Amino acid sequence: MPARVSYIESMQCVQVEYLDDLSIGQLLGALGDITLALRAHQSTRVLADCSGMVSGPTLIEIYEAVRGLLEVEETPSVRQALVLPSSTRALDVVTFWETASVNRGIDARSFTTRADALAWLTA
């Protein structure tokens, strides 16, 4: 399963773990699950752990996915902490996600470690 969504009660954040090769369909499915979890827990924090990701959607698909997020009511108030992958192919995807998100007014930031990402997210 390339994407797992859960809730971290102690941090009051929704966590998504992206693994292996992530398709656009799997990403969109995960985004839907994240939105539901944010609403259910009344949270505004997302930890996207991409450290296990090998490759992902095309940059055009990422651009469209971020653009689609703006149609979700909660998106502007959500903070996204992204844990960077070691795979070069996946790194390009994740850093483009961050850039596209920030360019649209979404508070997103990438980190090399999970601890740094959680520290920023919960500050």
N, C-alpha and C. Protein backbone atom coordinates (compact mmCIF):
# COMPACT_ATOMS: atom_id res chain seq x y z
N MET A 1 0.84 -1.18 0.00
CA MET A 1 0.00 0.00 0.00
C MET A 1 0.90 1.25 0.00
N PRO A 2 0.88 2.03 -1.05
CA PRO A 2 1.77 3.19 -1.18
C PRO A 2 1.42 4.39 -0.31
N ALA A 3 0.24 4.41 0.32
CA ALA A 3 -0.11 5.55 1.19
C ALA A 3 -0.94 5.05 2.36
N ARG A 4 -0.51 5.44 3.57
CA ARG A 4 -1.24 5.08 4.79
C ARG A 4 -1.53 6.35 5.57
N VAL A 5 -2.80 6.57 5.87
CA VAL A 5 -3.22 7.76 6.62
C VAL A 5 -3.65 7.34 8.02
N SER A 6 -3.16 8.08 9.01
CA SER A 6 -3.51 7.81 10.40
C SER A 6 -3.54 9.14 11.16
N TYR A 7 -3.94 9.07 12.43
CA TYR A 7 -3.99 10.27 13.26
C TYR A 7 -3.08 10.06 14.46
N ILE A 8 -2.24 11.04 14.76
CA ILE A 8 -1.36 10.99 15.92
C ILE A 8 -1.98 11.86 17.00
N GLU A 9 -2.64 11.22 17.93
CA GLU A 9 -3.38 11.94 18.98
C GLU A 9 -2.48 12.87 19.78
N SER A 10 -1.30 12.39 20.18
CA SER A 10 -0.42 13.19 21.03
C SER A 10 0.07 14.46 20.33
N MET A 11 0.13 14.46 19.01
CA MET A 11 0.58 15.62 18.24
C MET A 11 -0.58 16.38 17.60
N GLN A 12 -1.77 15.81 17.71
CA GLN A 12 -2.96 16.37 17.09
C GLN A 12 -2.73 16.66 15.60
N CYS A 13 -2.20 15.65 14.92
CA CYS A 13 -1.97 15.83 13.48
C CYS A 13 -2.30 14.56 12.71
N VAL A 14 -2.65 14.79 11.47
CA VAL A 14 -2.91 13.69 10.55
C VAL A 14 -1.57 13.33 9.92
N GLN A 15 -1.28 12.05 9.90
CA GLN A 15 -0.03 11.57 9.32
C GLN A 15 -0.34 10.76 8.07
N VAL A 16 0.43 10.99 7.04
CA VAL A 16 0.35 10.14 5.86
C VAL A 16 1.76 9.66 5.56
N GLU A 17 1.88 8.36 5.33
CA GLU A 17 3.16 7.77 4.96
C GLU A 17 3.06 7.32 3.51
N TYR A 18 3.91 7.90 2.69
CA TYR A 18 3.96 7.52 1.27
C TYR A 18 5.11 6.56 1.08
N LEU A 19 4.84 5.43 0.42
CA LEU A 19 5.82 4.37 0.24
C LEU A 19 5.93 3.96 -1.23
N ASP A 20 7.10 3.52 -1.60
CA ASP A 20 7.34 2.93 -2.91
C ASP A 20 6.97 3.87 -4.06
N ASP A 21 6.36 3.31 -5.11
CA ASP A 21 5.96 4.08 -6.29
C ASP A 21 4.52 4.55 -6.08
N LEU A 22 4.33 5.85 -6.07
CA LEU A 22 3.02 6.43 -5.79
C LEU A 22 2.40 6.94 -7.09
N SER A 23 1.24 6.42 -7.44
CA SER A 23 0.54 6.88 -8.65
C SER A 23 -0.33 8.08 -8.31
N ILE A 24 -0.78 8.80 -9.32
CA ILE A 24 -1.66 9.94 -9.10
C ILE A 24 -2.98 9.49 -8.47
N GLY A 25 -3.48 8.34 -8.87
CA GLY A 25 -4.72 7.83 -8.27
C GLY A 25 -4.56 7.55 -6.79
N GLN A 26 -3.42 6.98 -6.41
CA GLN A 26 -3.15 6.70 -5.01
C GLN A 26 -2.97 8.00 -4.22
N LEU A 27 -2.31 8.98 -4.82
CA LEU A 27 -2.14 10.28 -4.17
C LEU A 27 -3.49 10.95 -3.95
N LEU A 28 -4.34 10.96 -4.96
CA LEU A 28 -5.66 11.59 -4.83
C LEU A 28 -6.51 10.88 -3.78
N GLY A 29 -6.40 9.55 -3.74
CA GLY A 29 -7.11 8.79 -2.71
C GLY A 29 -6.63 9.16 -1.31
N ALA A 30 -5.31 9.30 -1.15
CA ALA A 30 -4.74 9.68 0.14
C ALA A 30 -5.18 11.09 0.52
N LEU A 31 -5.21 12.01 -0.45
CA LEU A 31 -5.64 13.38 -0.16
C LEU A 31 -7.09 13.41 0.33
N GLY A 32 -7.93 12.57 -0.25
CA GLY A 32 -9.32 12.45 0.23
C GLY A 32 -9.37 11.93 1.65
N ASP A 33 -8.56 10.91 1.94
CA ASP A 33 -8.51 10.36 3.31
C ASP A 33 -7.97 11.38 4.30
N ILE A 34 -6.98 12.16 3.88
CA ILE A 34 -6.42 13.20 4.75
C ILE A 34 -7.49 14.24 5.08
N THR A 35 -8.22 14.67 4.07
CA THR A 35 -9.29 15.66 4.27
C THR A 35 -10.32 15.14 5.26
N LEU A 36 -10.73 13.89 5.11
CA LEU A 36 -11.71 13.30 6.04
C LEU A 36 -11.15 13.25 7.46
N ALA A 37 -9.88 12.87 7.59
CA ALA A 37 -9.27 12.79 8.92
C ALA A 37 -9.13 14.17 9.56
N LEU A 38 -8.76 15.17 8.76
CA LEU A 38 -8.66 16.54 9.29
C LEU A 38 -10.01 16.99 9.84
N ARG A 39 -11.06 16.71 9.10
CA ARG A 39 -12.41 17.10 9.54
C ARG A 39 -12.83 16.33 10.78
N ALA A 40 -12.60 15.02 10.78
CA ALA A 40 -13.02 14.17 11.90
C ALA A 40 -12.34 14.56 13.20
N HIS A 41 -11.07 14.97 13.11
CA HIS A 41 -10.30 15.29 14.31
C HIS A 41 -10.16 16.80 14.54
N GLN A 42 -10.80 17.57 13.67
CA GLN A 42 -10.73 19.04 13.74
C GLN A 42 -9.28 19.49 13.88
N SER A 43 -8.45 18.96 13.01
CA SER A 43 -7.02 19.25 13.01
C SER A 43 -6.66 20.14 11.83
N THR A 44 -5.54 20.84 11.96
CA THR A 44 -5.04 21.67 10.86
C THR A 44 -3.58 21.32 10.55
N ARG A 45 -3.14 20.15 11.00
CA ARG A 45 -1.74 19.75 10.82
C ARG A 45 -1.65 18.44 10.05
N VAL A 46 -0.74 18.44 9.07
CA VAL A 46 -0.48 17.22 8.29
C VAL A 46 1.01 16.94 8.29
N LEU A 47 1.37 15.74 8.68
CA LEU A 47 2.74 15.26 8.56
C LEU A 47 2.77 14.29 7.39
N ALA A 48 3.43 14.69 6.33
CA ALA A 48 3.55 13.82 5.15
C ALA A 48 4.95 13.22 5.16
N ASP A 49 5.04 11.97 5.58
CA ASP A 49 6.33 11.29 5.64
C ASP A 49 6.59 10.60 4.31
N CYS A 50 7.43 11.23 3.51
CA CYS A 50 7.73 10.73 2.16
C CYS A 50 9.06 9.99 2.13
N SER A 51 9.62 9.69 3.29
CA SER A 51 10.95 9.09 3.36
C SER A 51 11.03 7.73 2.67
N GLY A 52 9.92 7.01 2.58
CA GLY A 52 9.91 5.70 1.94
C GLY A 52 9.44 5.73 0.49
N MET A 53 9.23 6.90 -0.04
CA MET A 53 8.73 7.05 -1.41
C MET A 53 9.89 6.88 -2.40
N VAL A 54 9.63 6.15 -3.49
CA VAL A 54 10.65 5.91 -4.51
C VAL A 54 10.41 6.78 -5.74
N SER A 55 9.17 6.87 -6.14
CA SER A 55 8.80 7.73 -7.27
C SER A 55 7.34 8.14 -7.10
N GLY A 56 6.94 9.13 -7.88
CA GLY A 56 5.58 9.63 -7.72
C GLY A 56 5.00 10.11 -9.03
N PRO A 57 3.87 10.80 -8.93
CA PRO A 57 3.21 11.32 -10.12
C PRO A 57 4.10 12.31 -10.88
N THR A 58 3.68 12.65 -12.07
CA THR A 58 4.41 13.64 -12.86
C THR A 58 4.24 15.01 -12.24
N LEU A 59 5.09 15.95 -12.61
CA LEU A 59 5.00 17.30 -12.06
C LEU A 59 3.70 17.97 -12.47
N ILE A 60 3.23 17.69 -13.67
CA ILE A 60 1.93 18.24 -14.10
C ILE A 60 0.81 17.70 -13.23
N GLU A 61 0.85 16.41 -12.93
CA GLU A 61 -0.17 15.81 -12.06
C GLU A 61 -0.11 16.41 -10.66
N ILE A 62 1.10 16.65 -10.16
CA ILE A 62 1.26 17.28 -8.84
C ILE A 62 0.67 18.69 -8.86
N TYR A 63 0.98 19.45 -9.88
CA TYR A 63 0.46 20.81 -10.03
C TYR A 63 -1.07 20.80 -9.97
N GLU A 64 -1.69 19.90 -10.72
CA GLU A 64 -3.15 19.80 -10.75
C GLU A 64 -3.71 19.35 -9.40
N ALA A 65 -3.02 18.45 -8.72
CA ALA A 65 -3.49 17.98 -7.41
C ALA A 65 -3.46 19.11 -6.39
N VAL A 66 -2.39 19.90 -6.39
CA VAL A 66 -2.31 21.04 -5.47
C VAL A 66 -3.40 22.06 -5.81
N ARG A 67 -3.59 22.31 -7.09
CA ARG A 67 -4.65 23.24 -7.51
C ARG A 67 -6.02 22.76 -7.03
N GLY A 68 -6.25 21.46 -7.10
CA GLY A 68 -7.51 20.88 -6.63
C GLY A 68 -7.70 21.02 -5.13
N LEU A 69 -6.59 21.06 -4.38
CA LEU A 69 -6.70 21.22 -2.93
C LEU A 69 -7.34 22.54 -2.54
N LEU A 70 -7.17 23.54 -3.38
CA LEU A 70 -7.73 24.85 -3.07
C LEU A 70 -9.25 24.84 -3.06
N GLU A 71 -9.84 23.81 -3.66
CA GLU A 71 -11.30 23.69 -3.66
C GLU A 71 -11.81 23.12 -2.33
N VAL A 72 -10.90 22.59 -1.51
CA VAL A 72 -11.26 22.03 -0.22
C VAL A 72 -11.23 23.16 0.81
N GLU A 73 -12.31 23.34 1.49
CA GLU A 73 -12.50 24.47 2.41
C GLU A 73 -11.37 24.63 3.43
N GLU A 74 -10.88 23.53 3.99
CA GLU A 74 -9.90 23.59 5.06
C GLU A 74 -8.46 23.89 4.60
N THR A 75 -8.19 23.73 3.34
CA THR A 75 -6.82 23.79 2.84
C THR A 75 -6.03 25.03 3.25
N PRO A 76 -6.55 26.23 3.12
CA PRO A 76 -5.72 27.41 3.46
C PRO A 76 -5.22 27.44 4.91
N SER A 77 -5.92 26.81 5.83
CA SER A 77 -5.52 26.86 7.24
C SER A 77 -4.65 25.67 7.65
N VAL A 78 -4.38 24.75 6.75
CA VAL A 78 -3.63 23.54 7.07
C VAL A 78 -2.13 23.79 6.92
N ARG A 79 -1.36 23.29 7.89
CA ARG A 79 0.11 23.30 7.82
C ARG A 79 0.56 21.92 7.38
N GLN A 80 1.44 21.88 6.39
CA GLN A 80 1.97 20.61 5.88
C GLN A 80 3.47 20.53 6.15
N ALA A 81 3.88 19.53 6.91
CA ALA A 81 5.29 19.25 7.13
C ALA A 81 5.65 18.03 6.29
N LEU A 82 6.62 18.18 5.41
CA LEU A 82 6.98 17.12 4.47
C LEU A 82 8.35 16.56 4.83
N VAL A 83 8.43 15.25 5.07
CA VAL A 83 9.72 14.60 5.32
C VAL A 83 10.23 14.11 3.96
N LEU A 84 11.40 14.63 3.58
CA LEU A 84 11.93 14.36 2.25
C LEU A 84 12.41 12.92 2.07
N PRO A 85 12.23 12.38 0.86
CA PRO A 85 12.72 11.04 0.55
C PRO A 85 14.19 11.07 0.15
N SER A 86 14.82 9.91 0.14
CA SER A 86 16.21 9.84 -0.31
C SER A 86 16.29 9.60 -1.81
N SER A 87 15.25 9.05 -2.40
CA SER A 87 15.20 8.80 -3.84
C SER A 87 15.16 10.12 -4.62
N THR A 88 16.04 10.27 -5.58
CA THR A 88 16.11 11.50 -6.37
C THR A 88 14.81 11.74 -7.13
N ARG A 89 14.24 10.68 -7.72
CA ARG A 89 12.98 10.84 -8.46
C ARG A 89 11.86 11.33 -7.55
N ALA A 90 11.77 10.76 -6.37
CA ALA A 90 10.73 11.17 -5.42
C ALA A 90 11.03 12.54 -4.84
N LEU A 91 12.31 12.86 -4.65
CA LEU A 91 12.68 14.16 -4.10
C LEU A 91 12.19 15.30 -4.99
N ASP A 92 12.32 15.14 -6.31
CA ASP A 92 11.82 16.14 -7.25
C ASP A 92 10.32 16.35 -7.09
N VAL A 93 9.59 15.26 -6.92
CA VAL A 93 8.13 15.33 -6.77
C VAL A 93 7.75 16.07 -5.49
N VAL A 94 8.39 15.71 -4.39
CA VAL A 94 8.04 16.29 -3.09
C VAL A 94 8.43 17.77 -3.03
N THR A 95 9.59 18.12 -3.54
CA THR A 95 9.98 19.54 -3.51
C THR A 95 9.09 20.37 -4.43
N PHE A 96 8.65 19.78 -5.54
CA PHE A 96 7.71 20.50 -6.40
C PHE A 96 6.37 20.67 -5.70
N TRP A 97 5.91 19.65 -4.98
CA TRP A 97 4.67 19.76 -4.19
C TRP A 97 4.78 20.93 -3.22
N GLU A 98 5.90 21.02 -2.51
CA GLU A 98 6.10 22.11 -1.56
C GLU A 98 6.03 23.47 -2.28
N THR A 99 6.74 23.61 -3.38
CA THR A 99 6.76 24.87 -4.12
C THR A 99 5.38 25.24 -4.63
N ALA A 100 4.68 24.29 -5.23
CA ALA A 100 3.34 24.55 -5.76
C ALA A 100 2.38 24.92 -4.63
N SER A 101 2.52 24.28 -3.48
CA SER A 101 1.65 24.58 -2.33
C SER A 101 1.91 25.99 -1.81
N VAL A 102 3.17 26.32 -1.60
CA VAL A 102 3.52 27.64 -1.08
C VAL A 102 3.08 28.74 -2.05
N ASN A 103 3.26 28.49 -3.35
CA ASN A 103 2.85 29.47 -4.36
C ASN A 103 1.35 29.72 -4.35
N ARG A 104 0.58 28.81 -3.78
CA ARG A 104 -0.87 28.95 -3.71
C ARG A 104 -1.33 29.36 -2.31
N GLY A 105 -0.40 29.73 -1.46
CA GLY A 105 -0.75 30.22 -0.13
C GLY A 105 -0.91 29.15 0.93
N ILE A 106 -0.51 27.93 0.64
CA ILE A 106 -0.60 26.84 1.61
C ILE A 106 0.70 26.80 2.41
N ASP A 107 0.60 26.68 3.72
CA ASP A 107 1.76 26.66 4.60
C ASP A 107 2.39 25.27 4.56
N ALA A 108 3.42 25.11 3.72
CA ALA A 108 4.09 23.83 3.56
C ALA A 108 5.59 24.03 3.69
N ARG A 109 6.25 23.04 4.31
CA ARG A 109 7.70 23.13 4.48
C ARG A 109 8.28 21.73 4.51
N SER A 110 9.45 21.56 3.90
CA SER A 110 10.09 20.24 3.86
C SER A 110 11.24 20.16 4.85
N PHE A 111 11.49 18.93 5.31
CA PHE A 111 12.52 18.66 6.31
C PHE A 111 13.23 17.35 5.96
N THR A 112 14.46 17.23 6.43
CA THR A 112 15.21 15.99 6.16
C THR A 112 14.94 14.94 7.22
N THR A 113 14.43 15.35 8.38
CA THR A 113 14.12 14.36 9.42
C THR A 113 12.68 14.52 9.91
N ARG A 114 12.15 13.41 10.36
CA ARG A 114 10.79 13.40 10.92
C ARG A 114 10.72 14.24 12.19
N ALA A 115 11.75 14.19 13.02
CA ALA A 115 11.77 14.96 14.28
C ALA A 115 11.69 16.46 13.99
N ASP A 116 12.45 16.93 13.00
CA ASP A 116 12.40 18.35 12.64
C ASP A 116 11.04 18.73 12.11
N ALA A 117 10.45 17.87 11.31
CA ALA A 117 9.13 18.13 10.74
C ALA A 117 8.08 18.25 11.84
N LEU A 118 8.10 17.33 12.79
CA LEU A 118 7.15 17.36 13.90
C LEU A 118 7.37 18.58 14.80
N ALA A 119 8.62 18.96 15.02
CA ALA A 119 8.91 20.13 15.86
C ALA A 119 8.31 21.39 15.21
N TRP A 120 8.48 21.55 13.92
CA TRP A 120 7.92 22.72 13.22
C TRP A 120 6.40 22.67 13.22
N LEU A 121 5.86 21.48 12.98
CA LEU A 121 4.42 21.33 12.86
C LEU A 121 3.71 21.64 14.17
N THR A 122 4.32 21.32 15.27
CA THR A 122 3.67 21.49 16.57
C THR A 122 4.11 22.76 17.29
N ALA A 123 4.97 23.56 16.67
CA ALA A 123 5.45 24.81 17.32
C ALA A 123 4.35 25.86 17.34
